[in-house]
Protein backbone atom coordinates (compact mmCIF):
# COMPACT_ATOMS: atom_id res chain seq x y z
CA MET A 1 5.25 5.08 12.85
CA ASN A 2 3.63 7.45 10.37
CA TYR A 3 1.72 10.68 10.88
CA TRP A 4 -1.45 11.70 9.08
CA LEU A 5 -4.01 14.46 8.80
CA PHE A 6 -7.65 13.34 8.43
CA LYS A 7 -10.22 15.93 7.38
CA SER A 8 -13.83 15.98 8.46
CA GLU A 9 -16.55 18.57 8.06
CA PRO A 10 -17.81 19.26 11.58
CA SER A 11 -21.40 19.39 10.30
CA ASP A 12 -20.92 15.77 9.17
CA TYR A 13 -18.70 14.40 11.96
CA SER A 14 -17.04 16.72 14.46
CA PHE A 15 -14.20 15.97 16.84
CA GLU A 16 -16.75 16.33 19.66
CA ASN A 17 -18.81 13.53 18.06
CA PHE A 18 -15.64 11.48 17.75
CA VAL A 19 -14.69 11.97 21.41
CA PHE A 20 -18.21 10.90 22.40
CA ASP A 21 -17.93 7.78 20.20
CA LYS A 22 -14.35 7.11 21.43
CA GLU A 23 -13.51 5.32 18.17
CA THR A 24 -14.85 5.16 14.64
CA CYS A 25 -14.35 3.67 11.23
CA TRP A 26 -13.10 6.25 8.73
CA GLU A 27 -15.44 5.40 5.88
CA GLY A 28 -16.52 7.17 2.73
CA ILE A 29 -13.13 7.99 1.23
CA ARG A 30 -13.77 8.21 -2.51
CA ASN A 31 -10.49 9.69 -3.73
CA TYR A 32 -7.98 7.22 -5.16
CA GLN A 33 -4.88 8.86 -3.70
CA ALA A 34 -6.41 8.93 -0.21
CA ARG A 35 -7.66 5.36 -0.73
CA ASN A 36 -4.13 4.27 -1.60
CA PHE A 37 -2.80 5.84 1.60
CA ILE A 38 -5.42 3.87 3.55
CA ARG A 39 -4.82 0.62 1.71
CA ASP A 40 -1.03 0.74 1.45
CA ASN A 41 0.46 3.02 4.09
CA ILE A 42 -1.66 3.62 7.18
CA LYS A 43 -0.69 1.24 9.99
CA ILE A 44 -1.81 0.47 13.54
CA ASN A 45 -0.54 3.07 16.04
CA ASP A 46 0.02 5.71 13.36
CA GLU A 47 -0.96 9.09 14.76
CA VAL A 48 -3.58 11.40 13.28
CA LEU A 49 -4.28 15.13 13.34
CA PHE A 50 -8.06 15.62 13.24
CA TYR A 51 -8.85 18.58 10.97
CA HIS A 52 -12.16 20.43 10.69
CA SER A 53 -12.63 21.41 7.05
CA ASN A 54 -15.16 23.28 4.91
CA ILE A 55 -15.87 25.89 7.58
CA SER A 56 -15.06 29.59 7.82
CA GLU A 57 -11.88 28.97 9.83
CA PRO A 58 -10.54 25.46 9.14
CA HIS A 59 -8.37 24.08 11.93
CA ILE A 60 -6.68 21.13 13.58
CA VAL A 61 -8.68 20.34 16.69
CA GLY A 62 -7.50 17.01 18.09
CA LEU A 63 -5.39 13.88 18.02
CA ALA A 64 -6.26 10.30 17.16
CA LYS A 65 -4.53 6.97 16.69
CA VAL A 66 -5.07 4.21 14.12
CA ILE A 67 -6.39 1.06 15.81
CA ARG A 68 -7.27 -1.06 12.75
CA GLU A 69 -5.55 -1.18 9.39
CA ALA A 70 -7.27 -1.13 6.01
CA TYR A 71 -10.33 -3.25 5.42
CA PRO A 72 -13.07 -3.03 2.77
CA ASP A 73 -15.46 -0.09 3.06
CA HIS A 74 -18.65 -2.14 3.03
CA TYR A 75 -20.75 1.03 2.89
CA SER A 76 -19.77 1.27 -0.77
CA TRP A 77 -21.94 -1.83 -1.41
CA ASP A 78 -25.00 -0.55 0.49
CA LYS A 79 -27.48 0.97 -1.97
CA GLU A 80 -29.16 2.87 0.87
CA HIS A 81 -25.95 4.47 2.17
CA LYS A 82 -24.69 7.90 1.13
CA TYR A 83 -21.28 6.38 0.25
CA TYR A 84 -22.71 3.72 -2.09
CA ASP A 85 -20.65 3.10 -5.23
CA PRO A 86 -22.32 0.89 -7.87
CA LYS A 87 -18.89 -0.08 -9.25
CA SER A 88 -17.77 -1.52 -5.92
CA SER A 89 -18.72 -4.93 -4.54
CA PRO A 90 -17.29 -7.67 -2.31
CA ASP A 91 -15.88 -9.20 -5.50
CA ASN A 92 -14.56 -5.88 -6.81
CA LEU A 93 -13.03 -4.01 -3.89
CA ARG A 94 -12.53 -0.33 -4.68
CA TRP A 95 -12.69 1.43 -1.33
CA PHE A 96 -11.15 0.83 2.07
CA MET A 97 -11.37 2.28 5.56
CA VAL A 98 -9.43 2.23 8.82
CA ASP A 99 -10.52 2.53 12.43
CA ILE A 100 -9.23 5.33 14.61
CA LYS A 101 -9.49 6.13 18.31
CA ALA A 102 -9.81 9.61 19.79
CA ILE A 103 -6.80 10.51 21.92
CA LYS A 104 -7.43 14.09 23.02
CA LYS A 105 -8.54 17.55 22.04
CA LEU A 106 -5.66 19.95 21.51
CA LYS A 107 -5.10 22.46 24.31
CA ARG A 108 -5.23 25.14 21.63
CA ILE A 109 -6.76 24.78 18.17
CA VAL A 110 -4.29 25.36 15.33
CA TYR A 111 -5.94 27.33 12.54
CA LEU A 112 -5.14 26.95 8.86
CA LYS A 113 -4.22 30.64 8.70
CA GLU A 114 -1.51 30.03 11.34
CA ILE A 115 -0.16 27.05 9.43
CA LYS A 116 0.02 29.19 6.28
CA GLN A 117 2.01 31.83 8.17
CA GLU A 118 4.62 29.37 9.46
CA PRO A 119 7.52 29.12 6.95
CA LYS A 120 8.55 25.71 8.29
CA LEU A 121 5.15 24.33 7.23
CA SER A 122 5.16 25.83 3.72
CA LYS A 123 5.67 22.43 2.07
CA MET A 124 2.94 20.70 4.05
CA ILE A 125 0.53 18.81 1.79
CA LEU A 126 -2.37 20.60 3.50
CA LEU A 127 -1.19 23.82 1.86
CA ASN A 128 -0.32 22.35 -1.53
CA ASN A 129 -2.99 19.69 -2.16
CA SER A 130 -5.74 21.03 0.02
CA ARG A 131 -8.52 18.82 -1.38
CA LEU A 132 -6.94 15.57 -0.23
CA SER A 133 -8.99 14.30 2.74
CA ILE A 134 -6.28 12.01 4.12
CA GLN A 135 -2.69 13.09 3.81
CA PRO A 136 0.69 12.23 5.25
CA VAL A 137 2.36 14.63 7.66
CA LYS A 138 6.13 14.74 8.14
CA LYS A 139 7.44 14.20 11.66
CA SER A 140 8.91 17.72 11.70
CA GLU A 141 5.50 19.16 10.68
CA TRP A 142 3.75 17.06 13.33
CA ASP A 143 6.14 18.22 16.03
CA LEU A 144 5.71 21.87 15.10
CA ILE A 145 1.91 21.65 15.03
CA ILE A 146 1.93 19.96 18.44
CA LYS A 147 4.17 22.76 19.72
CA MET A 148 1.82 25.38 18.23
CA SER A 149 -1.08 23.72 20.05
CA ASN A 150 0.72 23.95 23.42
CA ASN A 151 0.44 20.18 23.93
């Protein structure tokens, strides 16, 4: 099993929206490194930290699980959709998505500032490649974040 951190801007799709929906497709990834993680590495039952980004105090708010592995992001072919990509088509697959299921909200939110202050998390991709919207998390990092959240 692998561990991941998925970022979402709460104004676009919050963890509260996700809990209401119960599960969702994780569409709209338009970064090749994140796309490669989706296409090549993310597997069913992998666990996910749900991270609220692009807000005054970014934080990890909840947990999710992968319930469907990579499949084509058909929104990239829809001219009316905000994630449309004219270079992508059913014959020229560029973008992929996975489905995830909400597991639970953390008992205590873990803020980015706390993660930055924890020496054992200093090598976490979140702190060193902060623009990546999907990123792997080491098991030791996962365990420490879960401990920090009192779960």
